[in-house]
Amino acid sequence: MTGRPIRVLLAEDQGMMRGALALPLGMEDDIDVVAQVAAGDAILDAALAHRPDVALLDIELPGRSGLDAAAGLRVRSPTAGS
């Protein structure tokens, strides 16, 4: 690995699925799962606090959909997705 690991935020309301995603990602030397959230309304705060490079978002989440949260991330961080 060269450089810093890819920082990942996971948003998934089902704990078993979130763990199934986080475990193999966390085993990679070049990936660091920096935050995991179970509700859509927690995504923006987690992203601002942990500054991930990648956000893996479930579409249907309690509180706020993953699509709506992604739009909110783009507003708060205009370079996101580029």
PDB file of N, CA and C in Angstrom:
ATOM      1  N   MET A   1       0.842  -1.176   0.000  1.00  0.00           N
ATOM      2  CA  MET A   1       0.000   0.000   0.000  1.00  0.00           C
ATOM      3  C   MET A   1       0.886   1.237   0.000  1.00  0.00           C
ATOM      4  N   THR A   2       0.497   2.202  -0.791  1.00  0.00           N
ATOM      5  CA  THR A   2       1.191   3.484  -0.778  1.00  0.00           C
ATOM      6  C   THR A   2       0.191   4.565  -0.408  1.00  0.00           C
ATOM      7  N   GLY A   3       0.629   5.572   0.305  1.00  0.00           N
ATOM      8  CA  GLY A   3      -0.273   6.641   0.713  1.00  0.00           C
ATOM      9  C   GLY A   3      -1.178   6.216   1.846  1.00  0.00           C
ATOM     10  N   ARG A   4      -2.178   7.030   2.093  1.00  0.00           N
ATOM     11  CA  ARG A   4      -3.088   6.747   3.204  1.00  0.00           C
ATOM     12  C   ARG A   4      -4.224   5.842   2.746  1.00  0.00           C
ATOM     13  N   PRO A   5      -4.821   5.119   3.685  1.00  0.00           N
ATOM     14  CA  PRO A   5      -5.935   4.239   3.311  1.00  0.00           C
ATOM     15  C   PRO A   5      -7.167   5.037   2.884  1.00  0.00           C
ATOM     16  N   ILE A   6      -8.020   4.395   2.115  1.00  0.00           N
ATOM     17  CA  ILE A   6      -9.298   4.978   1.711  1.00  0.00           C
ATOM     18  C   ILE A   6     -10.212   4.958   2.929  1.00  0.00           C
ATOM     19  N   ARG A   7     -10.756   6.113   3.277  1.00  0.00           N
ATOM     20  CA  ARG A   7     -11.623   6.252   4.450  1.00  0.00           C
ATOM     21  C   ARG A   7     -13.081   6.052   4.017  1.00  0.00           C
ATOM     22  N   VAL A   8     -13.763   5.092   4.665  1.00  0.00           N
ATOM     23  CA  VAL A   8     -15.113   4.705   4.255  1.00  0.00           C
ATOM     24  C   VAL A   8     -16.110   4.943   5.384  1.00  0.00           C
ATOM     25  N   LEU A   9     -17.260   5.498   5.032  1.00  0.00           N
ATOM     26  CA  LEU A   9     -18.405   5.615   5.932  1.00  0.00           C
ATOM     27  C   LEU A   9     -19.462   4.626   5.457  1.00  0.00           C
ATOM     28  N   LEU A  10     -20.004   3.821   6.360  1.00  0.00           N
ATOM     29  CA  LEU A  10     -21.065   2.869   6.034  1.00  0.00           C
ATOM     30  C   LEU A  10     -22.369   3.326   6.671  1.00  0.00           C
ATOM     31  N   ALA A  11     -23.436   3.356   5.894  1.00  0.00           N
ATOM     32  CA  ALA A  11     -24.766   3.667   6.414  1.00  0.00           C
ATOM     33  C   ALA A  11     -25.701   2.530   6.026  1.00  0.00           C
ATOM     34  N   GLU A  12     -26.089   1.741   7.015  1.00  0.00           N
ATOM     35  CA  GLU A  12     -26.959   0.574   6.808  1.00  0.00           C
ATOM     36  C   GLU A  12     -27.724   0.351   8.106  1.00  0.00           C
ATOM     37  N   ASP A  13     -29.055   0.273   8.013  1.00  0.00           N
ATOM     38  CA  ASP A  13     -29.857   0.139   9.223  1.00  0.00           C
ATOM     39  C   ASP A  13     -29.870  -1.275   9.797  1.00  0.00           C
ATOM     40  N   GLN A  14     -29.594  -2.270   9.006  1.00  0.00           N
ATOM     41  CA  GLN A  14     -29.576  -3.646   9.506  1.00  0.00           C
ATOM     42  C   GLN A  14     -28.166  -3.979   9.995  1.00  0.00           C
ATOM     43  N   GLY A  15     -28.061  -4.205  11.301  1.00  0.00           N
ATOM     44  CA  GLY A  15     -26.762  -4.434  11.923  1.00  0.00           C
ATOM     45  C   GLY A  15     -25.977  -5.581  11.311  1.00  0.00           C
ATOM     46  N   MET A  16     -26.654  -6.682  10.991  1.00  0.00           N
ATOM     47  CA  MET A  16     -25.959  -7.835  10.424  1.00  0.00           C
ATOM     48  C   MET A  16     -25.365  -7.487   9.054  1.00  0.00           C
ATOM     49  N   MET A  17     -26.122  -6.760   8.255  1.00  0.00           N
ATOM     50  CA  MET A  17     -25.637  -6.361   6.934  1.00  0.00           C
ATOM     51  C   MET A  17     -24.493  -5.356   7.060  1.00  0.00           C
ATOM     52  N   ARG A  18     -24.635  -4.420   7.995  1.00  0.00           N
ATOM     53  CA  ARG A  18     -23.572  -3.432   8.215  1.00  0.00           C
ATOM     54  C   ARG A  18     -22.280  -4.135   8.605  1.00  0.00           C
ATOM     55  N   GLY A  19     -22.384  -5.116   9.488  1.00  0.00           N
ATOM     56  CA  GLY A  19     -21.210  -5.891   9.885  1.00  0.00           C
ATOM     57  C   GLY A  19     -20.638  -6.697   8.731  1.00  0.00           C
ATOM     58  N   ALA A  20     -21.534  -7.249   7.893  1.00  0.00           N
ATOM     59  CA  ALA A  20     -21.080  -8.035   6.740  1.00  0.00           C
ATOM     60  C   ALA A  20     -20.331  -7.169   5.733  1.00  0.00           C
ATOM     61  N   LEU A  21     -20.643  -5.896   5.689  1.00  0.00           N
ATOM     62  CA  LEU A  21     -19.908  -4.968   4.823  1.00  0.00           C
ATOM     63  C   LEU A  21     -18.619  -4.496   5.490  1.00  0.00           C
ATOM     64  N   ALA A  22     -18.709  -4.173   6.771  1.00  0.00           N
ATOM     65  CA  ALA A  22     -17.560  -3.593   7.483  1.00  0.00           C
ATOM     66  C   ALA A  22     -16.424  -4.592   7.675  1.00  0.00           C
ATOM     67  N   LEU A  23     -16.740  -5.837   7.951  1.00  0.00           N
ATOM     68  CA  LEU A  23     -15.700  -6.826   8.253  1.00  0.00           C
ATOM     69  C   LEU A  23     -14.713  -7.024   7.103  1.00  0.00           C
ATOM     70  N   PRO A  24     -15.165  -7.374   5.902  1.00  0.00           N
ATOM     71  CA  PRO A  24     -14.176  -7.571   4.830  1.00  0.00           C
ATOM     72  C   PRO A  24     -13.477  -6.270   4.419  1.00  0.00           C
ATOM     73  N   LEU A  25     -14.202  -5.151   4.471  1.00  0.00           N
ATOM     74  CA  LEU A  25     -13.556  -3.876   4.142  1.00  0.00           C
ATOM     75  C   LEU A  25     -12.451  -3.565   5.145  1.00  0.00           C
ATOM     76  N   GLY A  26     -12.731  -3.796   6.421  1.00  0.00           N
ATOM     77  CA  GLY A  26     -11.759  -3.520   7.470  1.00  0.00           C
ATOM     78  C   GLY A  26     -10.538  -4.417   7.422  1.00  0.00           C
ATOM     79  N   MET A  27     -10.632  -5.539   6.738  1.00  0.00           N
ATOM     80  CA  MET A  27      -9.497  -6.454   6.629  1.00  0.00           C
ATOM     81  C   MET A  27      -8.508  -6.022   5.550  1.00  0.00           C
ATOM     82  N   GLU A  28      -8.911  -5.077   4.721  1.00  0.00           N
ATOM     83  CA  GLU A  28      -8.036  -4.589   3.655  1.00  0.00           C
ATOM     84  C   GLU A  28      -7.064  -3.559   4.220  1.00  0.00           C
ATOM     85  N   ASP A  29      -5.793  -3.680   3.858  1.00  0.00           N
ATOM     86  CA  ASP A  29      -4.780  -2.745   4.345  1.00  0.00           C
ATOM     87  C   ASP A  29      -5.007  -1.323   3.854  1.00  0.00           C
ATOM     88  N   ASP A  30      -5.614  -1.187   2.684  1.00  0.00           N
ATOM     89  CA  ASP A  30      -5.763   0.142   2.102  1.00  0.00           C
ATOM     90  C   ASP A  30      -7.157   0.738   2.287  1.00  0.00           C
ATOM     91  N   ILE A  31      -7.956   0.144   3.189  1.00  0.00           N
ATOM     92  CA  ILE A  31      -9.298   0.657   3.492  1.00  0.00           C
ATOM     93  C   ILE A  31      -9.450   0.781   5.001  1.00  0.00           C
ATOM     94  N   ASP A  32     -10.001   1.907   5.433  1.00  0.00           N
ATOM     95  CA  ASP A  32     -10.255   2.154   6.851  1.00  0.00           C
ATOM     96  C   ASP A  32     -11.717   2.566   6.999  1.00  0.00           C
ATOM     97  N   VAL A  33     -12.535   1.710   7.638  1.00  0.00           N
ATOM     98  CA  VAL A  33     -13.932   2.055   7.888  1.00  0.00           C
ATOM     99  C   VAL A  33     -13.931   3.017   9.079  1.00  0.00           C
ATOM    100  N   VAL A  34     -14.150   4.293   8.801  1.00  0.00           N
ATOM    101  CA  VAL A  34     -14.019   5.324   9.834  1.00  0.00           C
ATOM    102  C   VAL A  34     -15.311   5.594  10.584  1.00  0.00           C
ATOM    103  N   ALA A  35     -16.464   5.213  10.016  1.00  0.00           N
ATOM    104  CA  ALA A  35     -17.739   5.444  10.693  1.00  0.00           C
ATOM    105  C   ALA A  35     -18.786   4.478  10.167  1.00  0.00           C
ATOM    106  N   GLN A  36     -19.683   4.082  11.082  1.00  0.00           N
ATOM    107  CA  GLN A  36     -20.823   3.252  10.735  1.00  0.00           C
ATOM    108  C   GLN A  36     -22.047   3.869  11.389  1.00  0.00           C
ATOM    109  N   VAL A  37     -23.115   4.054  10.617  1.00  0.00           N
ATOM    110  CA  VAL A  37     -24.348   4.608  11.160  1.00  0.00           C
ATOM    111  C   VAL A  37     -25.522   3.733  10.740  1.00  0.00           C
ATOM    112  N   ALA A  38     -26.588   3.771  11.554  1.00  0.00           N
ATOM    113  CA  ALA A  38     -27.762   2.949  11.299  1.00  0.00           C
ATOM    114  C   ALA A  38     -28.967   3.767  10.852  1.00  0.00           C
ATOM    115  N   ALA A  39     -28.846   5.091  10.829  1.00  0.00           N
ATOM    116  CA  ALA A  39     -29.967   5.950  10.457  1.00  0.00           C
ATOM    117  C   ALA A  39     -29.500   7.030   9.489  1.00  0.00           C
ATOM    118  N   GLY A  40     -30.375   7.376   8.569  1.00  0.00           N
ATOM    119  CA  GLY A  40     -30.035   8.369   7.565  1.00  0.00           C
ATOM    120  C   GLY A  40     -29.745   9.745   8.129  1.00  0.00           C
ATOM    121  N   ASP A  41     -30.419  10.098   9.240  1.00  0.00           N
ATOM    122  CA  ASP A  41     -30.186  11.422   9.803  1.00  0.00           C
ATOM    123  C   ASP A  41     -28.855  11.527  10.543  1.00  0.00           C
ATOM    124  N   ALA A  42     -28.109  10.432  10.646  1.00  0.00           N
ATOM    125  CA  ALA A  42     -26.780  10.451  11.277  1.00  0.00           C
ATOM    126  C   ALA A  42     -25.650  10.548  10.247  1.00  0.00           C
ATOM    127  N   ILE A  43     -25.979  10.424   8.973  1.00  0.00           N
ATOM    128  CA  ILE A  43     -24.953  10.385   7.924  1.00  0.00           C
ATOM    129  C   ILE A  43     -24.174  11.688   7.839  1.00  0.00           C
ATOM    130  N   LEU A  44     -24.868  12.807   7.777  1.00  0.00           N
ATOM    131  CA  LEU A  44     -24.194  14.089   7.590  1.00  0.00           C
ATOM    132  C   LEU A  44     -23.237  14.388   8.740  1.00  0.00           C
ATOM    133  N   ASP A  45     -23.692  14.192   9.980  1.00  0.00           N
ATOM    134  CA  ASP A  45     -22.817  14.433  11.136  1.00  0.00           C
ATOM    135  C   ASP A  45     -21.595  13.526  11.099  1.00  0.00           C
ATOM    136  N   ALA A  46     -21.805  12.249  10.767  1.00  0.00           N
ATOM    137  CA  ALA A  46     -20.680  11.307  10.710  1.00  0.00           C
ATOM    138  C   ALA A  46     -19.705  11.693   9.603  1.00  0.00           C
ATOM    139  N   ALA A  47     -20.234  12.115   8.468  1.00  0.00           N
ATOM    140  CA  ALA A  47     -19.367  12.508   7.350  1.00  0.00           C
ATOM    141  C   ALA A  47     -18.556  13.752   7.696  1.00  0.00           C
ATOM    142  N   LEU A  48     -19.185  14.715   8.338  1.00  0.00           N
ATOM    143  CA  LEU A  48     -18.468  15.933   8.715  1.00  0.00           C
ATOM    144  C   LEU A  48     -17.426  15.654   9.793  1.00  0.00           C
ATOM    145  N   ALA A  49     -17.731  14.738  10.700  1.00  0.00           N
ATOM    146  CA  ALA A  49     -16.795  14.413  11.785  1.00  0.00           C
ATOM    147  C   ALA A  49     -15.618  13.568  11.310  1.00  0.00           C
ATOM    148  N   HIS A  50     -15.863  12.638  10.372  1.00  0.00           N
ATOM    149  CA  HIS A  50     -14.836  11.659   9.993  1.00  0.00           C
ATOM    150  C   HIS A  50     -14.222  11.894   8.618  1.00  0.00           C
ATOM    151  N   ARG A  51     -14.826  12.765   7.810  1.00  0.00           N
ATOM    152  CA  ARG A  51     -14.287  13.130   6.494  1.00  0.00           C
ATOM    153  C   ARG A  51     -13.919  11.910   5.635  1.00  0.00           C
ATOM    154  N   PRO A  52     -14.892  11.025   5.346  1.00  0.00           N
ATOM    155  CA  PRO A  52     -14.583   9.842   4.534  1.00  0.00           C
ATOM    156  C   PRO A  52     -14.290  10.210   3.083  1.00  0.00           C
ATOM    157  N   ASP A  53     -13.553   9.331   2.432  1.00  0.00           N
ATOM    158  CA  ASP A  53     -13.326   9.462   0.992  1.00  0.00           C
ATOM    159  C   ASP A  53     -14.499   8.867   0.219  1.00  0.00           C
ATOM    160  N   VAL A  54     -15.127   7.845   0.817  1.00  0.00           N
ATOM    161  CA  VAL A  54     -16.224   7.106   0.186  1.00  0.00           C
ATOM    162  C   VAL A  54     -17.329   6.911   1.214  1.00  0.00           C
ATOM    163  N   ALA A  55     -18.578   7.080   0.778  1.00  0.00           N
ATOM    164  CA  ALA A  55     -19.729   6.793   1.633  1.00  0.00           C
ATOM    165  C   ALA A  55     -20.576   5.730   0.941  1.00  0.00           C
ATOM    166  N   LEU A  56     -20.746   4.592   1.600  1.00  0.00           N
ATOM    167  CA  LEU A  56     -21.615   3.527   1.099  1.00  0.00           C
ATOM    168  C   LEU A  56     -22.940   3.666   1.835  1.00  0.00           C
ATOM    169  N   LEU A  57     -23.984   4.088   1.118  1.00  0.00           N
ATOM    170  CA  LEU A  57     -25.254   4.437   1.740  1.00  0.00           C
ATOM    171  C   LEU A  57     -26.375   3.511   1.291  1.00  0.00           C
ATOM    172  N   ASP A  58     -27.075   2.949   2.263  1.00  0.00           N
ATOM    173  CA  ASP A  58     -28.306   2.229   1.977  1.00  0.00           C
ATOM    174  C   ASP A  58     -29.320   3.262   1.488  1.00  0.00           C
ATOM    175  N   ILE A  59     -30.170   2.892   0.566  1.00  0.00           N
ATOM    176  CA  ILE A  59     -31.154   3.843   0.044  1.00  0.00           C
ATOM    177  C   ILE A  59     -32.282   4.058   1.045  1.00  0.00           C
ATOM    178  N   GLU A  60     -32.781   2.972   1.646  1.00  0.00           N
ATOM    179  CA  GLU A  60     -33.896   3.072   2.585  1.00  0.00           C
ATOM    180  C   GLU A  60     -33.369   2.981   4.007  1.00  0.00           C
ATOM    181  N   LEU A  61     -33.360   4.115   4.697  1.00  0.00           N
ATOM    182  CA  LEU A  61     -32.880   4.197   6.074  1.00  0.00           C
ATOM    183  C   LEU A  61     -33.915   4.926   6.919  1.00  0.00           C
ATOM    184  N   PRO A  62     -33.985   4.627   8.207  1.00  0.00           N
ATOM    185  CA  PRO A  62     -34.878   5.399   9.067  1.00  0.00           C
ATOM    186  C   PRO A  62     -34.362   6.830   9.217  1.00  0.00           C
ATOM    187  N   GLY A  63     -35.282   7.771   9.287  1.00  0.00           N
ATOM    188  CA  GLY A  63     -34.923   9.161   9.523  1.00  0.00           C
ATOM    189  C   GLY A  63     -34.700   9.969   8.264  1.00  0.00           C
ATOM    190  N   ARG A  64     -33.963   9.413   7.325  1.00  0.00           N
ATOM    191  CA  ARG A  64     -33.631  10.127   6.084  1.00  0.00           C
ATOM    192  C   ARG A  64     -33.109   9.097   5.088  1.00  0.00           C
ATOM    193  N   SER A  65     -33.557   9.174   3.854  1.00  0.00           N
ATOM    194  CA  SER A  65     -33.094   8.192   2.872  1.00  0.00           C
ATOM    195  C   SER A  65     -31.625   8.426   2.536  1.00  0.00           C
ATOM    196  N   GLY A  66     -30.963   7.387   2.077  1.00  0.00           N
ATOM    197  CA  GLY A  66     -29.578   7.513   1.658  1.00  0.00           C
ATOM    198  C   GLY A  66     -29.427   8.478   0.494  1.00  0.00           C
ATOM    199  N   LEU A  67     -30.418   8.506  -0.399  1.00  0.00           N
ATOM    200  CA  LEU A  67     -30.373   9.429  -1.535  1.00  0.00           C
ATOM    201  C   LEU A  67     -30.468  10.878  -1.064  1.00  0.00           C
ATOM    202  N   ASP A  68     -31.361  11.135  -0.126  1.00  0.00           N
ATOM    203  CA  ASP A  68     -31.506  12.485   0.420  1.00  0.00           C
ATOM    204  C   ASP A  68     -30.238  12.901   1.169  1.00  0.00           C
ATOM    205  N   ALA A  69     -29.668  11.974   1.919  1.00  0.00           N
ATOM    206  CA  ALA A  69     -28.429  12.268   2.644  1.00  0.00           C
ATOM    207  C   ALA A  69     -27.288  12.556   1.673  1.00  0.00           C
ATOM    208  N   ALA A  70     -27.226  11.808   0.572  1.00  0.00           N
ATOM    209  CA  ALA A  70     -26.180  12.050  -0.429  1.00  0.00           C
ATOM    210  C   ALA A  70     -26.319  13.451  -1.019  1.00  0.00           C
ATOM    211  N   ALA A  71     -27.551  13.869  -1.273  1.00  0.00           N
ATOM    212  CA  ALA A  71     -27.782  15.226  -1.782  1.00  0.00           C
ATOM    213  C   ALA A  71     -27.333  16.255  -0.749  1.00  0.00           C
ATOM    214  N   GLY A  72     -27.605  15.988   0.526  1.00  0.00           N
ATOM    215  CA  GLY A  72     -27.165  16.887   1.591  1.00  0.00           C
ATOM    216  C   GLY A  72     -25.658  16.965   1.691  1.00  0.00           C
ATOM    217  N   LEU A  73     -24.987  15.846   1.464  1.00  0.00           N
ATOM    218  CA  LEU A  73     -23.519  15.841   1.478  1.00  0.00           C
ATOM    219  C   LEU A  73     -22.976  16.703   0.347  1.00  0.00           C
ATOM    220  N   ARG A  74     -23.618  16.635  -0.805  1.00  0.00           N
ATOM    221  CA  ARG A  74     -23.161  17.440  -1.954  1.00  0.00           C
ATOM    222  C   ARG A  74     -23.306  18.934  -1.670  1.00  0.00           C
ATOM    223  N   VAL A  75     -24.359  19.314  -0.968  1.00  0.00           N
ATOM    224  CA  VAL A  75     -24.569  20.725  -0.627  1.00  0.00           C
ATOM    225  C   VAL A  75     -23.509  21.187   0.370  1.00  0.00           C
ATOM    226  N   ARG A  76     -23.239  20.356   1.389  1.00  0.00           N
ATOM    227  CA  ARG A  76     -22.267  20.723   2.430  1.00  0.00           C
ATOM    228  C   ARG A  76     -20.833  20.619   1.953  1.00  0.00           C
ATOM    229  N   SER A  77     -20.583  19.754   0.982  1.00  0.00           N
ATOM    230  CA  SER A  77     -19.227  19.553   0.469  1.00  0.00           C
ATOM    231  C   SER A  77     -19.300  19.463  -1.054  1.00  0.00           C
ATOM    232  N   PRO A  78     -19.286  20.599  -1.732  1.00  0.00           N
ATOM    233  CA  PRO A  78     -19.484  20.616  -3.189  1.00  0.00           C
ATOM    234  C   PRO A  78     -18.488  19.774  -3.984  1.00  0.00           C
ATOM    235  N   THR A  79     -17.323  19.464  -3.434  1.00  0.00           N
ATOM    236  CA  THR A  79     -16.359  18.638  -4.163  1.00  0.00           C
ATOM    237  C   THR A  79     -16.651  17.153  -4.018  1.00  0.00           C
ATOM    238  N   ALA A  80     -17.623  16.788  -3.183  1.00  0.00           N
ATOM    239  CA  ALA A  80     -17.984  15.376  -3.021  1.00  0.00           C
ATOM    240  C   ALA A  80     -18.479  14.832  -4.351  1.00  0.00           C
ATOM    241  N   GLY A  81     -18.068  13.631  -4.659  1.00  0.00           N
ATOM    242  CA  GLY A  81     -18.501  12.995  -5.891  1.00  0.00           C
ATOM    243  C   GLY A  81     -17.699  13.380  -7.115  1.00  0.00           C
ATOM    244  N   SER A  82     -16.666  14.202  -6.918  1.00  0.00           N
ATOM    245  CA  SER A  82     -15.863  14.567  -8.085  1.00  0.00           C
ATOM    246  C   SER A  82     -14.540  13.860  -8.086  1.00  0.00           C
TER     247      SER A  82
END
